[in-house]
């Protein structure tokens, strides 16, 4: 009788050849070939990963170098006379680009440069911290006194209000566009009160303090007449400081009206009539026609690449939210 059974197929090897039984002739060579091929495959994979990580390291290094040069400032080498420009953009606060430390550092660099014919403070700010605005104001007045031959003019973009105007008032002159928003000389303290909502939801606020007034301005506790009176006193003091700074900065050019320091704001055209500004013009006009130095060099201190990445991923927003919840009330020239 013939045997109809068929032999089982051999397992294919990585080389595409059939794997030989251990007792078949030449099995040692086949095994060595499989081991060698596996080693080569592993080496190729390791080489690819090594190239990938080297490339990744190079990209990160290039980004860091680019960030160091790109965000540390846009200054270019200028050998002749030029106009120095510092931007005061956005909310004035210790944790924004418009913070006193960076703005003052840029101002000092601009005035110390022997090629600076004049300085432009380019303002586009709705206001912010009275402390930060006051520090910038004082530094501008100090530098103007130290370098009397170098004028500093403020140039207003869309808006120069409240704390922005506080800082700009220290300039020798202020130039605006006819449609710019200027003024808002006042102080505010804003927050929220949740006591009514908490009563409806049956939520209790358990606040324990070691001082009689430690819980002032807590948004989860009801206001009291004493709290209101104390807050108003602080606001009035800061408002008086703001008014005094504007009067000192603008001098006899200011045409005071009953509403000038009420927190109202006006167009650039009206601000010139009121003496809050001196005329119309942009940065190019000031540099070219007034300073006679059309080359503008930006001395603004820019945010670092790490700050930009943190801001992009919401770290700054999260920090601001926590701070707002912790402080409850915040003073603003806005």
Protein backbone atom coordinates (compact mmCIF):
# COMPACT_ATOMS: atom_id res chain seq x y z
CA UNK A 1 0.00 0.00 0.00
CA UNK A 2 1.22 3.45 -0.85
CA UNK A 3 1.55 6.06 1.85
CA UNK A 4 -0.80 8.99 0.89
CA UNK A 5 0.35 11.25 3.76
CA UNK A 6 2.39 14.32 2.78
CA UNK A 7 5.34 15.61 4.77
CA UNK A 8 4.78 18.74 6.90
CA UNK A 9 6.26 21.92 5.37
CA UNK A 10 9.32 23.42 7.01
CA UNK A 11 9.00 26.85 8.74
CA UNK A 12 10.38 29.61 6.57
CA UNK A 13 13.47 31.31 7.89
CA UNK A 14 14.10 35.08 7.90
CA UNK A 15 16.23 34.58 4.77
CA UNK A 16 13.33 33.07 2.88
CA UNK A 17 14.84 29.61 3.03
CA UNK A 18 13.25 26.61 4.70
CA UNK A 19 14.48 25.96 8.20
CA UNK A 20 16.38 22.65 8.19
CA UNK A 21 15.93 19.97 10.82
CA UNK A 22 18.69 19.77 13.39
CA UNK A 23 19.93 16.46 11.91
CA UNK A 24 19.83 17.63 8.27
CA UNK A 25 23.09 18.34 6.48
CA UNK A 26 24.08 22.07 6.52
CA UNK A 27 21.77 23.08 9.37
CA UNK A 28 24.64 24.79 11.18
CA UNK A 29 25.21 27.16 8.26
CA UNK A 30 21.53 28.00 7.99
CA UNK A 31 21.36 28.80 11.70
CA UNK A 32 24.40 31.07 11.44
CA UNK A 33 22.85 32.87 8.47
CA UNK A 34 19.66 33.50 10.45
CA UNK A 35 21.63 34.84 13.43
CA UNK A 36 23.77 37.08 11.23
CA UNK A 37 20.73 38.48 9.41
CA UNK A 38 18.95 39.20 12.72
CA UNK A 39 22.05 41.04 13.98
CA UNK A 40 22.23 43.13 10.81
CA UNK A 41 18.53 44.00 11.09
CA UNK A 42 18.98 45.05 14.71
CA UNK A 43 22.02 47.18 13.83
CA UNK A 44 20.09 48.95 11.08
CA UNK A 45 17.23 49.73 13.47
CA UNK A 46 19.67 51.02 16.11
CA UNK A 47 21.38 53.19 13.48
CA UNK A 48 18.03 54.68 12.40
CA UNK A 49 17.12 55.55 16.01
CA UNK A 50 20.56 57.06 16.56
CA UNK A 51 20.14 59.28 13.47
CA UNK A 52 16.64 60.26 14.60
CA UNK A 53 17.76 61.31 18.08
CA UNK A 54 20.73 63.23 16.68
CA UNK A 55 18.40 65.06 14.31
CA UNK A 56 15.97 65.79 17.14
CA UNK A 57 18.80 67.16 19.32
CA UNK A 58 19.96 69.37 16.45
CA UNK A 59 16.44 70.75 15.94
CA UNK A 60 16.10 71.55 19.66
CA UNK A 61 19.52 73.20 19.69
CA UNK A 62 18.66 75.33 16.66
CA UNK A 63 15.37 76.37 18.27
CA UNK A 64 17.18 77.44 21.45
CA UNK A 65 19.76 79.42 19.48
CA UNK A 66 17.05 81.00 17.34
CA UNK A 67 15.05 81.85 20.46
CA UNK A 68 18.04 83.45 22.15
CA UNK A 69 18.62 85.78 19.22
CA UNK A 70 15.03 86.30 18.09
CA UNK A 71 13.31 86.99 21.41
CA UNK A 72 16.04 88.83 23.27
CA UNK A 73 15.32 91.91 21.17
CA UNK A 74 15.25 93.10 17.58
CA UNK A 75 18.10 95.55 17.87
CA UNK A 76 20.38 95.83 14.89
CA UNK A 77 23.83 97.26 14.76
CA UNK A 78 23.61 100.95 13.89
CA UNK A 79 26.73 103.05 13.68
CA UNK A 80 25.12 106.41 12.91
CA UNK A 81 22.33 108.48 14.39
CA UNK A 82 19.09 106.65 14.81
CA UNK A 83 15.75 106.79 16.58
CA UNK A 84 15.32 104.34 19.45
CA UNK A 85 11.90 102.81 19.93
CA UNK A 86 10.42 100.97 22.91
CA UNK A 87 6.98 99.37 22.69
CA UNK A 88 4.48 99.56 25.53
CA UNK A 89 1.88 97.11 24.23
CA UNK A 90 -1.03 95.49 26.02
CA UNK A 91 -1.88 95.36 29.70
CA UNK A 92 0.73 96.84 32.00
CA UNK A 93 1.48 94.20 34.59
CA UNK A 94 4.42 92.47 36.24
CA UNK A 95 3.58 89.21 34.41
CA UNK A 96 3.04 90.59 30.88
CA UNK A 97 5.39 91.91 28.20
CA UNK A 98 4.52 95.45 29.31
CA UNK A 99 6.21 95.15 32.70
CA UNK A 100 8.24 97.92 34.28
CA UNK A 101 11.46 95.91 34.56
CA UNK A 102 11.69 95.15 30.83
CA UNK A 103 10.42 98.55 29.69
CA UNK A 104 12.89 100.39 31.93
CA UNK A 105 15.77 98.16 30.84
CA UNK A 106 14.97 99.01 27.21
CA UNK A 107 14.72 102.73 28.04
CA UNK A 108 18.12 102.68 29.75
CA UNK A 109 19.75 100.92 26.79
CA UNK A 110 18.24 103.41 24.37
CA UNK A 111 19.40 106.47 26.29
CA UNK A 112 22.88 105.06 26.90
CA UNK A 113 23.47 104.42 23.19
CA UNK A 114 25.67 107.22 21.82
CA UNK A 115 23.92 107.03 18.45
CA UNK A 116 20.44 107.71 19.82
CA UNK A 117 19.02 110.98 18.49
CA UNK A 118 15.65 110.55 20.20
CA UNK A 119 13.48 107.94 21.86
CA UNK A 120 9.95 106.91 20.94
CA UNK A 121 7.72 105.22 23.49
CA UNK A 122 5.18 103.51 21.23
CA UNK A 123 2.03 103.16 23.35
CA UNK A 124 -0.86 100.85 22.65
CA UNK A 125 -2.21 99.96 26.08
CA UNK A 126 -5.56 100.02 27.89
CA UNK A 127 -3.81 100.39 31.26
CA UNK A 128 -3.04 98.02 34.08
CA UNK A 129 -1.10 98.09 37.33
CA UNK A 130 -0.68 101.55 38.87
CA UNK A 131 2.56 100.38 40.47
CA UNK A 132 4.11 99.24 37.18
CA UNK A 133 2.89 102.36 35.34
CA UNK A 134 4.28 104.58 38.10
CA UNK A 135 7.68 102.87 37.98
CA UNK A 136 7.89 103.46 34.20
CA UNK A 137 6.78 107.08 34.65
CA UNK A 138 9.48 107.75 37.25
CA UNK A 139 12.20 106.12 35.15
CA UNK A 140 11.29 108.19 32.10
CA UNK A 141 11.54 111.40 34.14
CA UNK A 142 14.89 110.27 35.60
CA UNK A 143 16.36 109.49 32.18
CA UNK A 144 15.08 112.74 30.69
CA UNK A 145 16.86 114.65 33.46
CA UNK A 146 20.05 112.61 33.08
CA UNK A 147 20.14 112.92 29.27
CA UNK A 148 18.58 116.35 28.57
CA UNK A 149 19.82 116.39 24.97
CA UNK A 150 17.85 113.24 24.05
CA UNK A 151 14.10 113.87 23.71
CA UNK A 152 11.52 111.19 24.44
CA UNK A 153 8.19 111.37 22.61
CA UNK A 154 5.25 109.05 23.18
CA UNK A 155 3.46 107.90 20.03
CA UNK A 156 -0.04 106.51 20.54
CA UNK A 157 -1.49 103.74 18.39
CA UNK A 158 -5.05 102.53 18.88
CA UNK A 159 -5.19 103.30 22.60
CA UNK A 160 -3.28 104.98 25.38
CA UNK A 161 -5.63 104.93 28.33
CA UNK A 162 -5.42 104.87 32.09
CA UNK A 163 -2.10 103.26 33.13
CA UNK A 164 -0.84 103.58 29.56
CA UNK A 165 -1.44 107.32 29.69
CA UNK A 166 0.09 107.44 33.19
CA UNK A 167 3.40 106.26 31.72
CA UNK A 168 3.11 108.38 28.56
CA UNK A 169 2.50 111.56 30.57
CA UNK A 170 6.20 111.57 31.50
CA UNK A 171 7.23 112.08 27.85
CA UNK A 172 8.39 115.41 26.44
CA UNK A 173 5.59 115.26 23.90
CA UNK A 174 2.70 112.95 23.02
CA UNK A 175 1.61 112.33 19.43
CA UNK A 176 -1.63 110.58 18.51
CA UNK A 177 -3.79 109.59 15.59
CA UNK A 178 -7.06 111.47 15.29
CA UNK A 179 -8.97 108.26 16.05
CA UNK A 180 -6.78 107.07 18.95
CA UNK A 181 -8.41 106.54 22.35
CA UNK A 182 -6.75 108.68 25.02
CA UNK A 183 -7.47 109.42 28.67
CA UNK A 184 -9.44 107.36 31.21
CA UNK A 185 -7.63 109.03 34.10
CA UNK A 186 -9.12 107.03 36.93
CA UNK A 187 -8.70 103.95 39.09
CA UNK A 188 -10.89 100.91 39.54
CA UNK A 189 -11.03 97.83 41.73
CA UNK A 190 -13.09 95.02 40.28
CA UNK A 191 -14.17 91.60 41.49
CA UNK A 192 -17.25 89.39 41.80
CA UNK A 193 -19.58 88.61 44.68
CA UNK A 194 -21.03 85.11 44.95
CA UNK A 195 -22.93 85.35 48.23
CA UNK A 196 -26.41 85.38 46.64
CA UNK A 197 -25.63 82.38 44.46
CA UNK A 198 -24.14 80.53 47.42
CA UNK A 199 -27.33 81.11 49.44
CA UNK A 200 -29.45 79.66 46.63
CA UNK A 201 -27.21 76.61 46.32
CA UNK A 202 -26.91 76.11 50.08
CA UNK A 203 -23.15 76.67 50.09
CA UNK A 204 -21.46 78.01 53.21
CA UNK A 205 -18.23 80.01 53.22
CA UNK A 206 -15.99 78.88 56.09
CA UNK A 207 -13.33 81.54 56.41
CA UNK A 208 -11.16 81.71 59.53
CA UNK A 209 -8.79 84.63 60.07
CA UNK A 210 -6.43 85.75 62.82
CA UNK A 211 -7.00 89.45 62.14
CA UNK A 212 -10.20 91.47 62.17
CA UNK A 213 -9.75 92.73 58.62
CA UNK A 214 -7.83 89.82 57.08
CA UNK A 215 -10.86 88.65 55.12
CA UNK A 216 -11.46 92.00 53.43
CA UNK A 217 -12.59 91.80 49.79
CA UNK A 218 -13.17 88.07 49.91
CA UNK A 219 -15.55 87.46 46.95
CA UNK A 220 -17.37 84.71 48.88
CA UNK A 221 -18.18 86.92 51.86
CA UNK A 222 -20.68 89.82 52.00
CA UNK A 223 -19.38 93.37 51.76
CA UNK A 224 -19.61 95.73 54.72
CA UNK A 225 -19.69 99.56 54.95
CA UNK A 226 -16.23 99.44 56.51
CA UNK A 227 -14.87 97.51 53.55
CA UNK A 228 -16.41 99.96 51.08
CA UNK A 229 -15.02 102.98 52.91
CA UNK A 230 -11.52 101.49 53.10
CA UNK A 231 -11.52 100.55 49.41
CA UNK A 232 -12.71 104.00 48.39
CA UNK A 233 -9.97 105.62 50.44
CA UNK A 234 -7.31 103.58 48.67
CA UNK A 235 -8.80 104.34 45.26
CA UNK A 236 -8.91 108.06 46.00
CA UNK A 237 -5.26 108.08 47.09
CA UNK A 238 -4.08 106.30 43.94
CA UNK A 239 -6.32 108.53 41.81
CA UNK A 240 -4.71 111.62 43.38
CA UNK A 241 -1.26 110.20 42.57
CA UNK A 242 -2.35 109.64 38.97
CA UNK A 243 -3.71 113.20 38.65
CA UNK A 244 -0.52 114.65 40.12
CA UNK A 245 1.61 112.68 37.65
CA UNK A 246 -0.45 113.96 34.69
CA UNK A 247 -0.26 117.56 35.92
CA UNK A 248 3.51 117.34 36.42
CA UNK A 249 4.07 115.70 33.06
CA UNK A 250 1.82 117.94 30.98
CA UNK A 251 2.28 121.18 32.87
CA UNK A 252 0.67 124.31 31.40
CA UNK A 253 -0.27 122.46 28.21
CA UNK A 254 -3.15 120.82 30.10
CA UNK A 255 -6.53 122.51 29.70
CA UNK A 256 -8.34 121.08 32.70
CA UNK A 257 -12.08 120.54 32.65
CA UNK A 258 -14.39 119.16 35.36
CA UNK A 259 -14.49 115.81 33.54
CA UNK A 260 -10.80 115.49 32.72
CA UNK A 261 -9.98 113.29 35.72
CA UNK A 262 -13.35 111.53 35.92
CA UNK A 263 -12.27 108.42 34.01
CA UNK A 264 -13.67 109.54 30.66
CA UNK A 265 -11.67 108.97 27.50
CA UNK A 266 -11.57 110.87 24.22
CA UNK A 267 -10.44 110.60 20.63
CA UNK A 268 -6.97 111.67 19.71
CA UNK A 269 -8.38 114.76 18.06
CA UNK A 270 -10.14 115.84 21.25
CA UNK A 271 -7.11 114.95 23.39
CA UNK A 272 -5.04 117.51 21.47
CA UNK A 273 -7.68 120.16 22.19
CA UNK A 274 -7.61 119.26 25.89
CA UNK A 275 -3.83 119.35 26.07
CA UNK A 276 -3.57 115.64 26.81
CA UNK A 277 -1.56 115.30 23.58
CA UNK A 278 0.59 117.66 21.52
CA UNK A 279 -0.20 116.78 17.93
CA UNK A 280 -0.79 114.14 15.27
CA UNK A 281 1.80 111.75 13.94
CA UNK A 282 3.12 108.20 13.88
CA UNK A 283 6.54 106.75 14.64
CA UNK A 284 7.90 107.33 11.14
CA UNK A 285 6.84 110.99 11.24
CA UNK A 286 8.50 111.55 14.59
CA UNK A 287 11.74 109.80 13.58
CA UNK A 288 11.99 111.33 10.13
CA UNK A 289 10.64 114.86 10.58
CA UNK A 290 11.18 115.67 14.27
CA UNK A 291 14.28 113.73 15.30
CA UNK A 292 15.79 113.89 11.78
CA UNK A 293 16.88 110.26 12.27
CA UNK A 294 14.71 108.05 10.04
CA UNK A 295 16.48 104.80 10.96
CA UNK A 296 14.42 103.25 13.78
CA UNK A 297 15.99 100.68 16.09
CA UNK A 298 13.70 98.61 18.30
CA UNK A 299 15.08 98.31 21.84
CA UNK A 300 12.02 96.51 23.20
CA UNK A 301 12.83 93.53 25.41
CA UNK A 302 10.98 90.56 23.93
CA UNK A 303 9.74 87.49 25.77
CA UNK A 304 11.98 84.42 25.77
CA UNK A 305 11.13 81.27 23.85
CA UNK A 306 10.38 79.44 27.11
CA UNK A 307 7.89 82.13 28.09
CA UNK A 308 6.25 81.90 24.69
CA UNK A 309 5.94 78.11 24.91
CA UNK A 310 4.53 78.36 28.44
CA UNK A 311 2.03 80.96 27.30
CA UNK A 312 1.03 78.86 24.31
CA UNK A 313 0.22 75.86 26.47
CA UNK A 314 -1.79 77.92 28.92
CA UNK A 315 0.62 78.11 31.83
CA UNK A 316 0.22 81.87 32.06
CA UNK A 317 -3.56 81.60 31.87
CA UNK A 318 -3.65 79.00 34.60
CA UNK A 319 -1.41 81.08 36.81
CA UNK A 320 -3.59 84.13 36.26
CA UNK A 321 -6.74 82.22 37.16
CA UNK A 322 -5.23 80.94 40.39
CA UNK A 323 -3.99 84.41 41.23
CA UNK A 324 -7.40 85.94 40.58
CA UNK A 325 -9.09 83.41 42.84
CA UNK A 326 -6.50 83.97 45.55
CA UNK A 327 -6.54 87.77 45.51
CA UNK A 328 -10.21 88.41 44.89
CA UNK A 329 -9.76 92.15 44.26
CA UNK A 330 -7.22 93.80 41.97
CA UNK A 331 -6.37 97.47 41.56
CA UNK A 332 -6.15 98.69 37.99
CA UNK A 333 -5.64 101.92 36.10
CA UNK A 334 -8.04 101.00 33.36
